[in-house]
């Protein structure tokens, strides 16, 4: 196994500022918080979604519903696909029909996770629209999916790995880029 070099690309304060900026962008685009529902993609998108909903609530002075969506049954690498999605698999606290759903994940790469999340949301209800907020956009899209709100664009190679560590899960906030170490040159 090769060793990897780690580079911290966002610290806790950078993450806080990015979430606050995204909250302001969401409120500006949607002309306030009316009919907004924030839904995090399980697992790592959920703490980011909760922080975003809190920031939106603090700015607007009103509670913003926040939930989570389990995309496992909708992934394209697992068969068979479900015919129904129960609320026990996902926690969506309000009826999303006609609402503006802010779908949240920590990192977007290929777009396949987001596609699965949109399928899961459409099984629950029919929102007026779905907007995507991500903390990190690392590129490498395989599907024509683009986030509406991005904390940081982080161009990467496919050999690199982006890890978002969250206080709620790892006990600290930071975003780490893991780069493969260069193999030593072979002598002739």
Protein backbone atom coordinates (compact mmCIF):
# COMPACT_ATOMS: atom_id res chain seq x y z
CA UNK A 1 0.00 0.00 0.00
CA UNK A 2 1.42 3.35 -0.99
CA UNK A 3 1.72 6.19 1.47
CA UNK A 4 -0.34 9.28 0.85
CA UNK A 5 0.40 12.94 1.38
CA UNK A 6 -2.40 14.88 3.12
CA UNK A 7 -3.11 18.54 2.53
CA UNK A 8 -5.70 20.40 4.62
CA UNK A 9 -7.67 22.50 2.11
CA UNK A 10 -10.32 23.82 4.53
CA UNK A 11 -10.20 24.20 8.29
CA UNK A 12 -13.15 24.61 10.67
CA UNK A 13 -13.37 28.37 10.12
CA UNK A 14 -13.23 27.96 6.32
CA UNK A 15 -16.08 25.45 6.53
CA UNK A 16 -18.16 27.75 8.73
CA UNK A 17 -17.68 30.67 6.35
CA UNK A 18 -18.54 28.52 3.32
CA UNK A 19 -21.78 27.31 4.90
CA UNK A 20 -22.72 30.86 5.90
CA UNK A 21 -22.04 32.10 2.35
CA UNK A 22 -24.10 29.28 0.86
CA UNK A 23 -26.97 30.16 3.24
CA UNK A 24 -26.91 33.78 2.05
CA UNK A 25 -26.83 32.66 -1.60
CA UNK A 26 -29.81 30.34 -1.05
CA UNK A 27 -31.85 33.10 0.61
CA UNK A 28 -30.99 35.58 -2.13
CA UNK A 29 -31.88 33.19 -4.97
CA UNK A 30 -35.12 32.05 -3.29
CA UNK A 31 -36.09 35.53 -2.06
CA UNK A 32 -36.17 34.37 1.53
CA UNK A 33 -36.84 31.14 3.38
CA UNK A 34 -40.51 30.58 2.51
CA UNK A 35 -41.19 26.95 1.56
CA UNK A 36 -37.54 25.89 1.94
CA UNK A 37 -36.73 22.38 3.17
CA UNK A 38 -33.11 21.27 3.66
CA UNK A 39 -32.39 17.57 3.13
CA UNK A 40 -28.97 16.00 3.67
CA UNK A 41 -27.81 12.89 1.84
CA UNK A 42 -26.97 10.21 4.39
CA UNK A 43 -24.36 9.95 5.85
CA UNK A 44 -21.99 12.89 5.57
CA UNK A 45 -24.41 15.27 3.93
CA UNK A 46 -26.68 15.21 6.99
CA UNK A 47 -24.43 17.16 9.43
CA UNK A 48 -23.66 19.69 6.68
CA UNK A 49 -27.41 20.03 6.00
CA UNK A 50 -28.13 20.60 9.70
CA UNK A 51 -25.50 23.32 9.86
CA UNK A 52 -26.90 24.92 6.71
CA UNK A 53 -30.47 24.82 8.05
CA UNK A 54 -29.25 26.40 11.30
CA UNK A 55 -27.44 29.17 9.38
CA UNK A 56 -30.57 29.82 7.28
CA UNK A 57 -32.70 29.91 10.43
CA UNK A 58 -30.36 32.33 12.18
CA UNK A 59 -30.24 34.69 9.21
CA UNK A 60 -34.00 34.66 8.61
CA UNK A 61 -35.13 34.37 12.23
CA UNK A 62 -37.42 31.43 11.45
CA UNK A 63 -37.06 27.67 11.68
CA UNK A 64 -36.10 25.82 8.50
CA UNK A 65 -37.13 22.13 8.35
CA UNK A 66 -34.18 19.79 7.94
CA UNK A 67 -34.17 16.07 7.20
CA UNK A 68 -32.14 13.28 5.70
CA UNK A 69 -32.51 10.95 2.73
CA UNK A 70 -31.23 7.40 2.45
CA UNK A 71 -30.16 6.75 -1.14
CA UNK A 72 -29.10 3.14 -0.67
CA UNK A 73 -32.14 1.65 -2.47
CA UNK A 74 -31.64 4.06 -5.39
CA UNK A 75 -27.94 3.56 -6.11
CA UNK A 76 -27.21 2.35 -9.62
CA UNK A 77 -24.72 -0.24 -8.40
CA UNK A 78 -27.28 -2.17 -6.32
CA UNK A 79 -30.16 -4.27 -7.68
CA UNK A 80 -33.12 -4.70 -7.50
CA UNK A 81 -34.57 -1.18 -7.28
CA UNK A 82 -37.38 -0.54 -4.81
CA UNK A 83 -40.99 0.12 -5.68
CA UNK A 84 -41.54 2.24 -2.56
CA UNK A 85 -39.48 4.21 -0.09
CA UNK A 86 -40.69 4.35 3.46
CA UNK A 87 -40.09 7.25 5.81
CA UNK A 88 -38.31 4.83 8.16
CA UNK A 89 -35.41 4.80 5.70
CA UNK A 90 -35.34 8.58 5.45
CA UNK A 91 -36.22 11.33 7.90
CA UNK A 92 -38.11 14.10 6.15
CA UNK A 93 -39.99 16.14 8.78
CA UNK A 94 -42.48 17.88 6.47
CA UNK A 95 -44.49 17.24 3.33
CA UNK A 96 -42.19 18.24 0.47
CA UNK A 97 -44.91 18.61 -2.17
CA UNK A 98 -44.62 22.09 -3.63
CA UNK A 99 -41.60 22.95 -1.45
CA UNK A 100 -38.18 24.15 -2.56
CA UNK A 101 -35.84 21.36 -1.49
CA UNK A 102 -32.20 22.18 -0.85
CA UNK A 103 -30.39 18.85 -1.27
CA UNK A 104 -27.06 18.81 0.58
CA UNK A 105 -23.96 16.63 0.31
CA UNK A 106 -20.40 17.13 1.48
CA UNK A 107 -18.65 16.29 -1.83
CA UNK A 108 -19.81 15.95 -5.41
CA UNK A 109 -17.77 14.03 -7.93
CA UNK A 110 -19.50 11.85 -10.56
CA UNK A 111 -23.06 13.01 -9.80
CA UNK A 112 -24.35 9.48 -9.26
CA UNK A 113 -25.07 9.99 -5.55
CA UNK A 114 -27.06 13.13 -6.34
CA UNK A 115 -29.03 11.32 -9.06
CA UNK A 116 -29.93 8.60 -6.57
CA UNK A 117 -30.94 11.24 -3.99
CA UNK A 118 -33.22 12.96 -6.50
CA UNK A 119 -34.88 9.62 -7.26
CA UNK A 120 -35.39 9.05 -3.52
CA UNK A 121 -36.88 12.52 -3.05
CA UNK A 122 -39.28 12.00 -5.96
CA UNK A 123 -40.50 8.80 -4.27
CA UNK A 124 -41.42 10.83 -1.19
CA UNK A 125 -43.16 13.71 -2.98
CA UNK A 126 -43.08 16.25 -5.76
CA UNK A 127 -41.19 19.37 -4.74
CA UNK A 128 -41.52 22.63 -6.66
CA UNK A 129 -37.77 22.39 -7.31
CA UNK A 130 -34.61 20.72 -6.06
CA UNK A 131 -31.47 22.80 -5.64
CA UNK A 132 -28.10 21.25 -4.83
CA UNK A 133 -25.66 22.58 -2.23
CA UNK A 134 -22.26 20.93 -1.70
CA UNK A 135 -19.31 21.79 0.48
CA UNK A 136 -16.75 20.54 -2.08
CA UNK A 137 -17.01 20.15 -5.88
CA UNK A 138 -14.09 18.06 -7.05
CA UNK A 139 -15.13 17.62 -10.70
CA UNK A 140 -15.09 14.34 -12.69
CA UNK A 141 -18.81 14.37 -13.52
CA UNK A 142 -20.27 11.30 -15.24
CA UNK A 143 -23.81 12.71 -15.28
CA UNK A 144 -25.02 16.19 -16.29
CA UNK A 145 -25.54 17.34 -12.70
CA UNK A 146 -24.21 20.64 -11.44
CA UNK A 147 -24.49 22.08 -7.92
CA UNK A 148 -26.33 25.37 -7.45
CA UNK A 149 -24.26 26.28 -4.40
CA UNK A 150 -20.61 25.32 -3.80
CA UNK A 151 -18.46 25.93 -0.74
CA UNK A 152 -15.20 25.29 -2.58
CA UNK A 153 -14.27 24.11 -6.06
CA UNK A 154 -11.38 21.71 -5.67
CA UNK A 155 -10.07 20.34 -8.96
CA UNK A 156 -8.56 16.92 -8.32
CA UNK A 157 -7.13 13.98 -10.17
CA UNK A 158 -8.96 10.67 -9.99
CA UNK A 159 -6.05 9.27 -7.94
CA UNK A 160 -6.65 11.84 -5.22
CA UNK A 161 -9.19 11.47 -2.42
CA UNK A 162 -11.17 14.21 -0.68
CA UNK A 163 -12.13 13.56 2.94
CA UNK A 164 -14.51 15.87 4.79
CA UNK A 165 -14.10 15.37 8.52
CA UNK A 166 -17.00 16.63 10.61
CA UNK A 167 -17.19 17.41 14.31
CA UNK A 168 -20.32 15.26 14.57
CA UNK A 169 -18.55 12.18 13.16
CA UNK A 170 -14.78 12.55 13.64
CA UNK A 171 -14.59 15.15 16.39
CA UNK A 172 -13.04 17.86 14.20
CA UNK A 173 -13.90 19.96 11.16
CA UNK A 174 -11.60 20.00 8.17
CA UNK A 175 -11.35 19.00 4.52
CA UNK A 176 -8.32 16.96 3.55
CA UNK A 177 -6.98 16.23 0.09
CA UNK A 178 -5.05 12.99 0.03
CA UNK A 179 -2.55 12.78 -2.77
CA UNK A 180 -0.71 9.60 -3.72
CA UNK A 181 2.97 9.86 -3.02
CA UNK A 182 5.28 9.71 -5.96
CA UNK A 183 7.09 6.40 -6.21
CA UNK A 184 10.85 6.79 -5.94
CA UNK A 185 12.60 6.75 -9.28
CA UNK A 186 14.18 3.43 -10.15
CA UNK A 187 17.88 3.43 -10.69
CA UNK A 188 19.07 2.10 -14.04
